[in-house]
Structures are given as C-alpha cells and as structure tokens.
Amino acid sequence: MLLARYQHEYIEAGCDEAGRGCLAGPVFAAAVILPDDFDHQLLNDSKQLSEDVRYALRTEIEERALAYAVASVDNLEIDEINILNASFLAMHRAIAKLHLSPQFLIIDGNRFNRYLDIPHQCIIEGDGKYFSIAAASILAKTYRDDYMKQIAIEHPEYNWHSNKGYPTISHRKTVLEMGYTPYHRRTFRVTDPQLSIF
C-alpha cells in the first residue's frame, strides 16, 4: 500500500522522471502535490501499469491534484550536461512551474541536486512507496510517450510510437543502419544489438 506523505508538517511535492535510459528524445519530469487524504487502489509505479491504466490515472491525477507540472530537457541539452544532470534539471523545471509552492520535496531515486532552499528526501523506488511520486511517474511517462508518438511521424522507421526511444534491438539496429536523427542523444553509444549498449 502506498503512503500519502513522507512528512506531515510542510506542503510536499513528489517528483519523478521518465526517459532517462532512452537513445532518443527528451527526458521528462513531473512534480505533483496531492491532498493529504489522497488514496487510490490502482495508483503505483508507472512501469507496473498498462498504458490504458496510466492514461486513465493521468486524468484523475490532474483532476484531484492540488498542483502538478510537467517539464522536459531535450536531447541537445542532455548531450551537453549528461543525462543525470538533465534529469535533475527537468525536475527543477517542473517544480518551478507549480502554481502552489512546495515546502518539501520527495524524489524518486538516490540522488538529487537541491532546488533553491527547499529541503528534500531521496527515496529509492519511491514511485512504488508514495502516491505523489507515483503520480509524478505517471505524468512524466504519459507526457513523454505523447511527445515520442508525435515525433515518430517524422521518422517512422525508428518505431518510436512503440519503443518510445528506448534501446530495443530493432531501434539499435535501425540506428546502426540509418544513423542518428536530430532527436537522438549523440553521447549515448549504440553498439551491436547482441551486446550491451553501454
């Protein structure tokens, strides 16, 4: 069972990202502030849910959240500052867009660059432990999926509408055969599909 809050003294936002391990496209992040009494039987880590459930939950999250925001860092910025810093930057941008200012942040993962003077707590696998982080994971994932489906129209041979830019065997083969698009992350090395990409 997921928990509503990490602490109960301050306004708390949960943050998560999507697309960190992809070969193409931006990394997206979301920040979500939920009511103290928020509860939902289906809400969980977005990776544990079907696409249909994720999109249904996105609608409910957006209706019930006290505040939410989604932001991204594109592939060019990722190549400039590396994917870890880009993930932090995407979360910073999402937090900055919230119309309700959080006083405490809970972050999925084990590392984070402090945002302004707001205290934070990193939580490993937090998207499976706290509702607000799970909600952020769903928003980041679905908004990124929408973006990848949109740019897939420009480059249908890379099958982004299905793989969303992740390093599937077919995606890696296509990159090796046809090269990079303007949406690919040039600092992500692509090797033979029979081998690890990194």
N, C-alpha and C. Protein backbone atom coordinates (compact mmCIF):
# COMPACT_ATOMS: atom_id res chain seq x y z
N MET A 1 0.85 -1.20 0.00
CA MET A 1 0.00 0.00 0.00
C MET A 1 0.88 1.25 0.00
N LEU A 2 0.63 2.16 -0.91
CA LEU A 2 1.41 3.39 -0.98
C LEU A 2 0.99 4.34 0.14
N LEU A 3 1.92 5.23 0.50
CA LEU A 3 1.68 6.19 1.56
C LEU A 3 1.35 7.56 0.98
N ALA A 4 0.56 8.33 1.72
CA ALA A 4 0.15 9.64 1.23
C ALA A 4 1.26 10.67 1.39
N ARG A 5 2.02 10.60 2.48
CA ARG A 5 3.02 11.63 2.76
C ARG A 5 4.27 11.02 3.36
N TYR A 6 5.41 11.68 3.12
CA TYR A 6 6.65 11.32 3.82
C TYR A 6 6.70 12.01 5.17
N GLN A 7 6.23 13.27 5.19
CA GLN A 7 6.14 14.05 6.42
C GLN A 7 4.83 14.84 6.37
N HIS A 8 4.39 15.37 7.49
CA HIS A 8 3.07 15.99 7.55
C HIS A 8 3.10 17.45 7.98
N GLU A 9 4.29 18.03 8.07
CA GLU A 9 4.39 19.41 8.55
C GLU A 9 4.35 20.42 7.41
N TYR A 10 4.88 20.05 6.24
CA TYR A 10 5.03 21.00 5.14
C TYR A 10 4.28 20.53 3.89
N ILE A 11 4.02 21.49 2.99
CA ILE A 11 3.44 21.15 1.68
C ILE A 11 4.46 20.33 0.91
N GLU A 12 4.07 19.15 0.50
CA GLU A 12 5.02 18.18 -0.06
C GLU A 12 4.71 17.89 -1.52
N ALA A 13 5.74 17.92 -2.35
CA ALA A 13 5.61 17.55 -3.76
C ALA A 13 6.44 16.31 -4.04
N GLY A 14 5.87 15.39 -4.79
CA GLY A 14 6.61 14.22 -5.25
C GLY A 14 7.12 14.46 -6.66
N CYS A 15 8.33 14.00 -6.95
CA CYS A 15 8.97 14.24 -8.24
C CYS A 15 9.53 12.94 -8.82
N ASP A 16 9.40 12.81 -10.13
CA ASP A 16 9.97 11.65 -10.82
C ASP A 16 10.22 12.03 -12.27
N GLU A 17 11.03 11.22 -12.96
CA GLU A 17 11.36 11.46 -14.37
C GLU A 17 11.03 10.23 -15.20
N ALA A 18 11.05 10.42 -16.52
CA ALA A 18 10.84 9.32 -17.46
C ALA A 18 11.73 9.55 -18.68
N GLY A 19 12.30 8.47 -19.18
CA GLY A 19 13.09 8.55 -20.40
C GLY A 19 14.58 8.65 -20.19
N ARG A 20 15.03 8.38 -19.00
CA ARG A 20 16.46 8.52 -18.71
C ARG A 20 17.32 7.57 -19.53
N GLY A 21 16.84 6.36 -19.77
CA GLY A 21 17.64 5.36 -20.47
C GLY A 21 17.42 5.29 -21.97
N CYS A 22 16.74 6.27 -22.53
CA CYS A 22 16.41 6.24 -23.95
C CYS A 22 17.58 6.69 -24.83
N LEU A 23 17.55 6.25 -26.09
CA LEU A 23 18.53 6.69 -27.07
C LEU A 23 18.11 7.98 -27.75
N ALA A 24 16.81 8.27 -27.74
CA ALA A 24 16.29 9.43 -28.46
C ALA A 24 15.22 10.12 -27.63
N GLY A 25 15.06 11.42 -27.92
CA GLY A 25 14.02 12.19 -27.28
C GLY A 25 14.46 12.82 -25.98
N PRO A 26 13.61 13.67 -25.41
CA PRO A 26 13.92 14.35 -24.15
C PRO A 26 13.76 13.43 -22.95
N VAL A 27 14.24 13.89 -21.82
CA VAL A 27 13.85 13.32 -20.55
C VAL A 27 12.76 14.23 -19.99
N PHE A 28 11.68 13.64 -19.53
CA PHE A 28 10.56 14.38 -18.95
C PHE A 28 10.56 14.18 -17.44
N ALA A 29 10.03 15.16 -16.73
CA ALA A 29 9.85 15.03 -15.29
C ALA A 29 8.55 15.70 -14.89
N ALA A 30 8.03 15.27 -13.76
CA ALA A 30 6.80 15.86 -13.23
C ALA A 30 6.95 16.08 -11.73
N ALA A 31 6.21 17.05 -11.24
CA ALA A 31 6.10 17.32 -9.81
C ALA A 31 4.62 17.39 -9.47
N VAL A 32 4.23 16.73 -8.40
CA VAL A 32 2.80 16.63 -8.05
C VAL A 32 2.60 16.87 -6.56
N ILE A 33 1.64 17.72 -6.25
CA ILE A 33 1.21 17.93 -4.87
C ILE A 33 -0.21 17.39 -4.75
N LEU A 34 -0.40 16.40 -3.90
CA LEU A 34 -1.70 15.76 -3.72
C LEU A 34 -2.32 16.17 -2.38
N PRO A 35 -3.63 16.06 -2.27
CA PRO A 35 -4.28 16.31 -0.98
C PRO A 35 -3.78 15.32 0.07
N ASP A 36 -3.82 15.74 1.32
CA ASP A 36 -3.35 14.87 2.41
C ASP A 36 -4.12 13.57 2.49
N ASP A 37 -5.39 13.60 2.11
CA ASP A 37 -6.22 12.40 2.22
C ASP A 37 -6.28 11.60 0.92
N PHE A 38 -5.38 11.88 -0.03
CA PHE A 38 -5.43 11.20 -1.31
C PHE A 38 -5.20 9.70 -1.12
N ASP A 39 -6.00 8.91 -1.84
CA ASP A 39 -5.85 7.46 -1.82
C ASP A 39 -6.35 6.92 -3.14
N HIS A 40 -5.73 5.87 -3.62
CA HIS A 40 -6.17 5.25 -4.87
C HIS A 40 -5.64 3.82 -4.94
N GLN A 41 -6.52 2.88 -5.20
CA GLN A 41 -6.13 1.48 -5.20
C GLN A 41 -5.22 1.10 -6.37
N LEU A 42 -5.36 1.78 -7.51
CA LEU A 42 -4.59 1.41 -8.70
C LEU A 42 -3.28 2.18 -8.84
N LEU A 43 -3.18 3.33 -8.22
CA LEU A 43 -2.01 4.18 -8.43
C LEU A 43 -0.75 3.49 -7.92
N ASN A 44 0.25 3.43 -8.81
CA ASN A 44 1.50 2.73 -8.49
C ASN A 44 2.57 3.24 -9.44
N ASP A 45 3.77 2.72 -9.29
CA ASP A 45 4.86 2.98 -10.22
C ASP A 45 4.36 2.79 -11.64
N SER A 46 4.58 3.76 -12.52
CA SER A 46 4.04 3.71 -13.88
C SER A 46 4.51 2.49 -14.65
N LYS A 47 5.71 1.98 -14.31
CA LYS A 47 6.24 0.81 -15.02
C LYS A 47 5.45 -0.45 -14.71
N GLN A 48 4.68 -0.43 -13.63
CA GLN A 48 3.88 -1.59 -13.24
C GLN A 48 2.47 -1.57 -13.83
N LEU A 49 2.15 -0.55 -14.60
CA LEU A 49 0.79 -0.36 -15.09
C LEU A 49 0.73 -0.44 -16.61
N SER A 50 -0.42 -0.84 -17.13
CA SER A 50 -0.62 -0.85 -18.57
C SER A 50 -0.77 0.58 -19.07
N GLU A 51 -0.61 0.76 -20.38
CA GLU A 51 -0.73 2.09 -20.96
C GLU A 51 -2.12 2.67 -20.73
N ASP A 52 -3.15 1.85 -20.92
CA ASP A 52 -4.52 2.34 -20.72
C ASP A 52 -4.75 2.82 -19.28
N VAL A 53 -4.24 2.07 -18.33
CA VAL A 53 -4.41 2.45 -16.92
C VAL A 53 -3.63 3.73 -16.63
N ARG A 54 -2.43 3.85 -17.18
CA ARG A 54 -1.64 5.07 -16.97
C ARG A 54 -2.40 6.30 -17.44
N TYR A 55 -2.99 6.23 -18.63
CA TYR A 55 -3.69 7.40 -19.16
C TYR A 55 -4.98 7.69 -18.38
N ALA A 56 -5.65 6.65 -17.92
CA ALA A 56 -6.84 6.86 -17.10
C ALA A 56 -6.46 7.53 -15.77
N LEU A 57 -5.35 7.08 -15.20
CA LEU A 57 -4.88 7.66 -13.94
C LEU A 57 -4.40 9.10 -14.14
N ARG A 58 -3.81 9.38 -15.30
CA ARG A 58 -3.36 10.75 -15.55
C ARG A 58 -4.52 11.73 -15.43
N THR A 59 -5.64 11.39 -16.03
CA THR A 59 -6.82 12.25 -15.95
C THR A 59 -7.25 12.47 -14.51
N GLU A 60 -7.27 11.39 -13.74
CA GLU A 60 -7.70 11.50 -12.35
C GLU A 60 -6.70 12.30 -11.51
N ILE A 61 -5.41 12.08 -11.75
CA ILE A 61 -4.38 12.82 -11.02
C ILE A 61 -4.52 14.32 -11.29
N GLU A 62 -4.71 14.66 -12.56
CA GLU A 62 -4.81 16.08 -12.91
C GLU A 62 -6.06 16.72 -12.34
N GLU A 63 -7.11 15.94 -12.17
CA GLU A 63 -8.35 16.47 -11.60
C GLU A 63 -8.25 16.64 -10.08
N ARG A 64 -7.53 15.74 -9.43
CA ARG A 64 -7.53 15.70 -7.97
C ARG A 64 -6.31 16.37 -7.33
N ALA A 65 -5.25 16.56 -8.08
CA ALA A 65 -4.03 17.15 -7.51
C ALA A 65 -4.27 18.59 -7.10
N LEU A 66 -3.61 19.01 -6.04
CA LEU A 66 -3.63 20.42 -5.65
C LEU A 66 -2.80 21.24 -6.64
N ALA A 67 -1.76 20.62 -7.16
CA ALA A 67 -0.93 21.25 -8.18
C ALA A 67 -0.11 20.16 -8.87
N TYR A 68 0.14 20.37 -10.16
CA TYR A 68 1.03 19.46 -10.88
C TYR A 68 1.67 20.22 -12.03
N ALA A 69 2.82 19.74 -12.46
CA ALA A 69 3.51 20.35 -13.59
C ALA A 69 4.43 19.32 -14.24
N VAL A 70 4.61 19.48 -15.53
CA VAL A 70 5.47 18.58 -16.31
C VAL A 70 6.46 19.44 -17.09
N ALA A 71 7.70 19.00 -17.17
CA ALA A 71 8.73 19.74 -17.91
C ALA A 71 9.68 18.74 -18.55
N SER A 72 10.53 19.24 -19.43
CA SER A 72 11.46 18.34 -20.14
C SER A 72 12.80 19.01 -20.40
N VAL A 73 13.78 18.19 -20.72
CA VAL A 73 15.10 18.63 -21.17
C VAL A 73 15.38 17.85 -22.44
N ASP A 74 15.66 18.55 -23.53
CA ASP A 74 15.77 17.86 -24.82
C ASP A 74 17.12 17.16 -25.00
N ASN A 75 17.23 16.43 -26.10
CA ASN A 75 18.42 15.61 -26.34
C ASN A 75 19.69 16.44 -26.48
N LEU A 76 19.58 17.66 -27.00
CA LEU A 76 20.76 18.51 -27.16
C LEU A 76 21.29 18.93 -25.79
N GLU A 77 20.38 19.29 -24.89
CA GLU A 77 20.80 19.64 -23.54
C GLU A 77 21.36 18.43 -22.81
N ILE A 78 20.75 17.26 -23.03
CA ILE A 78 21.24 16.03 -22.41
C ILE A 78 22.70 15.79 -22.82
N ASP A 79 23.00 15.97 -24.10
CA ASP A 79 24.37 15.76 -24.57
C ASP A 79 25.33 16.77 -23.98
N GLU A 80 24.85 17.95 -23.66
CA GLU A 80 25.71 19.00 -23.09
C GLU A 80 26.01 18.77 -21.61
N ILE A 81 25.01 18.36 -20.84
CA ILE A 81 25.19 18.33 -19.38
C ILE A 81 25.13 16.92 -18.79
N ASN A 82 24.90 15.92 -19.57
CA ASN A 82 24.77 14.48 -19.25
C ASN A 82 23.37 14.18 -18.71
N ILE A 83 23.00 12.92 -18.80
CA ILE A 83 21.61 12.53 -18.52
C ILE A 83 21.25 12.67 -17.05
N LEU A 84 22.20 12.46 -16.15
CA LEU A 84 21.88 12.61 -14.73
C LEU A 84 21.52 14.06 -14.41
N ASN A 85 22.37 14.99 -14.83
CA ASN A 85 22.08 16.40 -14.59
C ASN A 85 20.83 16.86 -15.33
N ALA A 86 20.60 16.29 -16.51
CA ALA A 86 19.40 16.63 -17.27
C ALA A 86 18.14 16.17 -16.54
N SER A 87 18.21 15.00 -15.90
CA SER A 87 17.07 14.51 -15.12
C SER A 87 16.77 15.45 -13.96
N PHE A 88 17.82 15.90 -13.27
CA PHE A 88 17.63 16.85 -12.17
C PHE A 88 17.06 18.17 -12.70
N LEU A 89 17.57 18.64 -13.83
CA LEU A 89 17.11 19.90 -14.40
C LEU A 89 15.64 19.81 -14.80
N ALA A 90 15.23 18.69 -15.38
CA ALA A 90 13.83 18.52 -15.75
C ALA A 90 12.93 18.58 -14.51
N MET A 91 13.38 17.97 -13.40
CA MET A 91 12.60 18.05 -12.17
C MET A 91 12.57 19.48 -11.64
N HIS A 92 13.71 20.17 -11.70
CA HIS A 92 13.73 21.57 -11.27
C HIS A 92 12.73 22.41 -12.07
N ARG A 93 12.70 22.19 -13.37
CA ARG A 93 11.78 22.95 -14.23
C ARG A 93 10.33 22.65 -13.89
N ALA A 94 10.03 21.38 -13.59
CA ALA A 94 8.67 21.02 -13.22
C ALA A 94 8.28 21.67 -11.90
N ILE A 95 9.17 21.62 -10.92
CA ILE A 95 8.89 22.24 -9.61
C ILE A 95 8.63 23.74 -9.78
N ALA A 96 9.43 24.38 -10.62
CA ALA A 96 9.31 25.82 -10.83
C ALA A 96 7.97 26.20 -11.45
N LYS A 97 7.34 25.27 -12.18
CA LYS A 97 6.08 25.55 -12.85
C LYS A 97 4.86 25.35 -11.94
N LEU A 98 5.05 24.75 -10.78
CA LEU A 98 3.92 24.51 -9.88
C LEU A 98 3.30 25.84 -9.44
N HIS A 99 1.97 25.92 -9.48
CA HIS A 99 1.31 27.16 -9.05
C HIS A 99 1.18 27.24 -7.53
N LEU A 100 1.42 26.13 -6.85
CA LEU A 100 1.46 26.08 -5.39
C LEU A 100 2.89 25.73 -5.00
N SER A 101 3.52 26.57 -4.21
CA SER A 101 4.94 26.38 -3.89
C SER A 101 5.11 25.28 -2.85
N PRO A 102 5.88 24.24 -3.17
CA PRO A 102 6.12 23.18 -2.19
C PRO A 102 7.14 23.63 -1.15
N GLN A 103 7.02 23.04 0.03
CA GLN A 103 7.96 23.34 1.12
C GLN A 103 8.86 22.15 1.41
N PHE A 104 8.55 21.02 0.78
CA PHE A 104 9.36 19.80 0.97
C PHE A 104 9.19 18.96 -0.29
N LEU A 105 10.28 18.32 -0.72
CA LEU A 105 10.26 17.51 -1.94
C LEU A 105 10.64 16.07 -1.62
N ILE A 106 9.91 15.14 -2.20
CA ILE A 106 10.34 13.74 -2.15
C ILE A 106 10.65 13.31 -3.58
N ILE A 107 11.84 12.76 -3.75
CA ILE A 107 12.41 12.50 -5.06
C ILE A 107 12.60 11.00 -5.27
N ASP A 108 12.16 10.50 -6.41
CA ASP A 108 12.41 9.10 -6.71
C ASP A 108 13.89 8.91 -7.04
N GLY A 109 14.54 7.97 -6.38
CA GLY A 109 15.95 7.70 -6.65
C GLY A 109 16.83 7.99 -5.45
N ASN A 110 18.14 7.95 -5.67
CA ASN A 110 19.08 8.12 -4.56
C ASN A 110 19.93 9.38 -4.65
N ARG A 111 19.70 10.21 -5.69
CA ARG A 111 20.47 11.43 -5.84
C ARG A 111 19.59 12.56 -6.38
N PHE A 112 19.95 13.79 -5.99
CA PHE A 112 19.20 14.95 -6.48
C PHE A 112 20.04 16.19 -6.22
N ASN A 113 19.99 17.14 -7.14
CA ASN A 113 20.59 18.44 -6.91
C ASN A 113 19.56 19.34 -6.24
N ARG A 114 19.90 19.86 -5.09
CA ARG A 114 18.99 20.69 -4.31
C ARG A 114 18.36 21.78 -5.17
N TYR A 115 17.07 22.00 -4.99
CA TYR A 115 16.37 23.06 -5.72
C TYR A 115 16.09 24.22 -4.78
N LEU A 116 16.69 25.38 -5.10
CA LEU A 116 16.58 26.56 -4.26
C LEU A 116 16.91 26.17 -2.81
N ASP A 117 16.07 26.59 -1.86
CA ASP A 117 16.34 26.23 -0.46
C ASP A 117 15.32 25.23 0.08
N ILE A 118 14.67 24.52 -0.83
CA ILE A 118 13.63 23.57 -0.42
C ILE A 118 14.26 22.26 0.03
N PRO A 119 14.01 21.83 1.25
CA PRO A 119 14.56 20.55 1.71
C PRO A 119 13.95 19.39 0.91
N HIS A 120 14.71 18.33 0.77
CA HIS A 120 14.22 17.18 0.02
C HIS A 120 14.69 15.88 0.64
N GLN A 121 14.02 14.81 0.23
CA GLN A 121 14.40 13.47 0.64
C GLN A 121 14.39 12.57 -0.60
N CYS A 122 15.50 11.92 -0.88
CA CYS A 122 15.56 10.95 -1.97
C CYS A 122 15.07 9.61 -1.45
N ILE A 123 14.26 8.93 -2.25
CA ILE A 123 13.67 7.66 -1.84
C ILE A 123 13.85 6.65 -2.96
N ILE A 124 14.65 5.64 -2.74
CA ILE A 124 14.87 4.60 -3.73
C ILE A 124 13.56 3.85 -3.97
N GLU A 125 13.19 3.70 -5.24
CA GLU A 125 11.91 3.08 -5.62
C GLU A 125 10.74 3.81 -4.97
N GLY A 126 10.88 5.12 -4.88
CA GLY A 126 9.82 5.93 -4.25
C GLY A 126 8.51 5.91 -5.00
N ASP A 127 8.57 5.62 -6.34
CA ASP A 127 7.33 5.57 -7.11
C ASP A 127 6.47 4.37 -6.76
N GLY A 128 7.02 3.45 -5.99
CA GLY A 128 6.23 2.33 -5.50
C GLY A 128 5.93 2.44 -4.02
N LYS A 129 6.23 3.62 -3.43
CA LYS A 129 6.05 3.80 -1.99
C LYS A 129 5.15 4.98 -1.63
N TYR A 130 5.16 6.04 -2.47
CA TYR A 130 4.40 7.25 -2.15
C TYR A 130 3.52 7.66 -3.32
N PHE A 131 2.29 8.04 -3.00
CA PHE A 131 1.33 8.39 -4.04
C PHE A 131 1.82 9.54 -4.92
N SER A 132 2.40 10.57 -4.32
CA SER A 132 2.78 11.74 -5.13
C SER A 132 3.90 11.42 -6.10
N ILE A 133 4.84 10.56 -5.69
CA ILE A 133 5.91 10.17 -6.61
C ILE A 133 5.35 9.28 -7.71
N ALA A 134 4.47 8.36 -7.34
CA ALA A 134 3.82 7.51 -8.34
C ALA A 134 3.04 8.36 -9.34
N ALA A 135 2.33 9.36 -8.84
CA ALA A 135 1.58 10.25 -9.73
C ALA A 135 2.52 11.00 -10.66
N ALA A 136 3.66 11.46 -10.13
CA ALA A 136 4.64 12.15 -10.97
C ALA A 136 5.20 11.21 -12.03
N SER A 137 5.42 9.96 -11.66
CA SER A 137 5.95 8.99 -12.64
C SER A 137 4.97 8.77 -13.78
N ILE A 138 3.69 8.76 -13.47
CA ILE A 138 2.66 8.57 -14.50
C ILE A 138 2.57 9.79 -15.42
N LEU A 139 2.59 10.97 -14.85
CA LEU A 139 2.54 12.17 -15.69
C LEU A 139 3.78 12.27 -16.57
N ALA A 140 4.95 12.06 -16.01
CA ALA A 140 6.18 12.14 -16.80
C ALA A 140 6.17 11.11 -17.92
N LYS A 141 5.76 9.90 -17.60
CA LYS A 141 5.75 8.82 -18.60
C LYS A 141 4.74 9.10 -19.71
N THR A 142 3.53 9.48 -19.38
CA THR A 142 2.50 9.65 -20.40
C THR A 142 2.76 10.88 -21.27
N TYR A 143 3.23 11.96 -20.66
CA TYR A 143 3.53 13.14 -21.48
C TYR A 143 4.72 12.88 -22.39
N ARG A 144 5.68 12.12 -21.91
CA ARG A 144 6.81 11.78 -22.78
C ARG A 144 6.37 10.85 -23.90
N ASP A 145 5.53 9.87 -23.58
CA ASP A 145 5.01 8.97 -24.62
C ASP A 145 4.26 9.76 -25.69
N ASP A 146 3.47 10.73 -25.28
CA ASP A 146 2.75 11.57 -26.25
C ASP A 146 3.74 12.27 -27.18
N TYR A 147 4.80 12.80 -26.60
CA TYR A 147 5.81 13.51 -27.40
C TYR A 147 6.48 12.55 -28.39
N MET A 148 6.85 11.36 -27.92
CA MET A 148 7.54 10.41 -28.80
C MET A 148 6.63 9.93 -29.94
N LYS A 149 5.35 9.76 -29.65
CA LYS A 149 4.41 9.39 -30.71
C LYS A 149 4.29 10.50 -31.75
N GLN A 150 4.38 11.74 -31.31
CA GLN A 150 4.30 12.87 -32.22
C GLN A 150 5.50 12.93 -33.15
N ILE A 151 6.71 12.79 -32.60
CA ILE A 151 7.90 12.88 -33.47
C ILE A 151 8.11 11.59 -34.25
N ALA A 152 7.46 10.51 -33.86
CA ALA A 152 7.56 9.26 -34.62
C ALA A 152 7.01 9.44 -36.03
N ILE A 153 6.10 10.38 -36.21
CA ILE A 153 5.53 10.63 -37.53
C ILE A 153 6.62 11.12 -38.49
N GLU A 154 7.60 11.86 -37.97
CA GLU A 154 8.69 12.38 -38.80
C GLU A 154 9.69 11.29 -39.19
N HIS A 155 9.87 10.31 -38.30
CA HIS A 155 10.87 9.26 -38.53
C HIS A 155 10.26 7.89 -38.22
N PRO A 156 9.31 7.44 -39.03
CA PRO A 156 8.59 6.20 -38.72
C PRO A 156 9.47 4.96 -38.69
N GLU A 157 10.60 5.01 -39.40
CA GLU A 157 11.46 3.82 -39.47
C GLU A 157 12.09 3.46 -38.12
N TYR A 158 12.11 4.40 -37.18
CA TYR A 158 12.71 4.13 -35.87
C TYR A 158 11.70 3.54 -34.87
N ASN A 159 10.43 3.50 -35.26
CA ASN A 159 9.41 2.83 -34.46
C ASN A 159 9.22 3.44 -33.07
N TRP A 160 9.37 4.77 -32.98
CA TRP A 160 9.24 5.42 -31.67
C TRP A 160 7.83 5.36 -31.11
N HIS A 161 6.83 5.20 -31.97
CA HIS A 161 5.46 5.10 -31.45
C HIS A 161 5.31 3.87 -30.57
N SER A 162 6.20 2.88 -30.78
CA SER A 162 6.15 1.66 -29.98
C SER A 162 7.25 1.63 -28.92
N ASN A 163 8.51 1.86 -29.33
CA ASN A 163 9.62 1.73 -28.36
C ASN A 163 9.87 2.99 -27.54
N LYS A 164 9.25 4.11 -27.93
CA LYS A 164 9.36 5.40 -27.21
C LYS A 164 10.80 5.88 -27.08
N GLY A 165 11.69 5.40 -27.94
CA GLY A 165 13.08 5.84 -27.90
C GLY A 165 13.99 4.96 -27.07
N TYR A 166 13.43 3.96 -26.42
CA TYR A 166 14.27 3.06 -25.62
C TYR A 166 15.12 2.16 -26.52
N PRO A 167 16.22 1.63 -26.00
CA PRO A 167 17.18 0.87 -26.83
C PRO A 167 16.77 -0.57 -27.09
N THR A 168 15.63 -0.76 -27.74
CA THR A 168 15.23 -2.09 -28.15
C THR A 168 16.18 -2.60 -29.24
N ILE A 169 16.15 -3.87 -29.49
CA ILE A 169 17.02 -4.44 -30.52
C ILE A 169 16.73 -3.79 -31.88
N SER A 170 15.45 -3.64 -32.22
CA SER A 170 15.11 -3.07 -33.52
C SER A 170 15.53 -1.60 -33.61
N HIS A 171 15.39 -0.86 -32.52
CA HIS A 171 15.80 0.54 -32.53
C HIS A 171 17.31 0.64 -32.73
N ARG A 172 18.06 -0.17 -32.03
CA ARG A 172 19.51 -0.14 -32.15
C ARG A 172 19.96 -0.54 -33.55
N LYS A 173 19.31 -1.53 -34.12
CA LYS A 173 19.64 -1.94 -35.49
C LYS A 173 19.39 -0.79 -36.47
N THR A 174 18.27 -0.11 -36.30
CA THR A 174 17.94 0.98 -37.21
C THR A 174 18.94 2.12 -37.10
N VAL A 175 19.37 2.44 -35.88
CA VAL A 175 20.38 3.49 -35.70
C VAL A 175 21.68 3.09 -36.38
N LEU A 176 22.10 1.83 -36.22
CA LEU A 176 23.35 1.39 -36.84
C LEU A 176 23.25 1.38 -38.36
N GLU A 177 22.06 1.12 -38.89
CA GLU A 177 21.89 1.06 -40.35
C GLU A 177 21.65 2.44 -40.96
N MET A 178 20.89 3.30 -40.28
CA MET A 178 20.46 4.56 -40.87
C MET A 178 21.06 5.80 -40.22
N GLY A 179 21.68 5.63 -39.06
CA GLY A 179 22.30 6.76 -38.39
C GLY A 179 21.36 7.48 -37.44
N TYR A 180 21.86 8.57 -36.90
CA TYR A 180 21.11 9.36 -35.93
C TYR A 180 20.14 10.31 -36.61
N THR A 181 19.08 10.63 -35.91
CA THR A 181 18.18 11.71 -36.30
C THR A 181 18.50 12.93 -35.44
N PRO A 182 17.91 14.07 -35.72
CA PRO A 182 18.12 15.24 -34.85
C PRO A 182 17.61 15.04 -33.43
N TYR A 183 16.85 13.98 -33.19
CA TYR A 183 16.30 13.73 -31.85
C TYR A 183 17.14 12.75 -31.04
N HIS A 184 18.14 12.14 -31.63
CA HIS A 184 18.96 11.17 -30.91
C HIS A 184 19.97 11.86 -29.99
N ARG A 185 20.30 11.15 -28.92
CA ARG A 185 21.31 11.60 -27.98
C ARG A 185 22.67 11.08 -28.47
N ARG A 186 23.50 11.97 -28.95
CA ARG A 186 24.76 11.57 -29.58
C ARG A 186 25.76 11.00 -28.58
N THR A 187 25.61 11.33 -27.31
CA THR A 187 26.54 10.83 -26.30
C THR A 187 26.16 9.44 -25.80
N PHE A 188 25.04 8.90 -26.27
CA PHE A 188 24.64 7.54 -25.91
C PHE A 188 25.17 6.59 -26.98
N ARG A 189 26.14 5.78 -26.64
CA ARG A 189 26.78 4.90 -27.60
C ARG A 189 25.85 3.74 -27.97
N VAL A 190 25.75 3.49 -29.26
CA VAL A 190 24.93 2.39 -29.75
C VAL A 190 25.85 1.32 -30.32
N THR A 191 25.77 0.11 -29.78
CA THR A 191 26.61 -0.99 -30.23
C THR A 191 25.75 -2.05 -30.91
N ASP A 192 26.39 -3.10 -31.34
CA ASP A 192 25.68 -4.22 -31.96
C ASP A 192 24.56 -4.69 -31.03
N PRO A 193 23.37 -4.95 -31.56
CA PRO A 193 22.23 -5.35 -30.71
C PRO A 193 22.46 -6.62 -29.90
N GLN A 194 23.45 -7.40 -30.26
CA GLN A 194 23.75 -8.60 -29.50
C GLN A 194 24.54 -8.28 -28.22
N LEU A 195 25.00 -7.03 -28.12
CA LEU A 195 25.81 -6.62 -26.99
C LEU A 195 25.07 -5.57 -26.17
N SER A 196 25.57 -5.29 -24.98
CA SER A 196 25.03 -4.19 -24.18
C SER A 196 25.30 -2.87 -24.86
N ILE A 197 24.40 -1.89 -24.72
CA ILE A 197 24.58 -0.61 -25.38
C ILE A 197 25.59 0.28 -24.67
N PHE A 198 25.91 -0.04 -23.43
CA PHE A 198 26.83 0.84 -22.70
C PHE A 198 28.11 0.10 -22.39
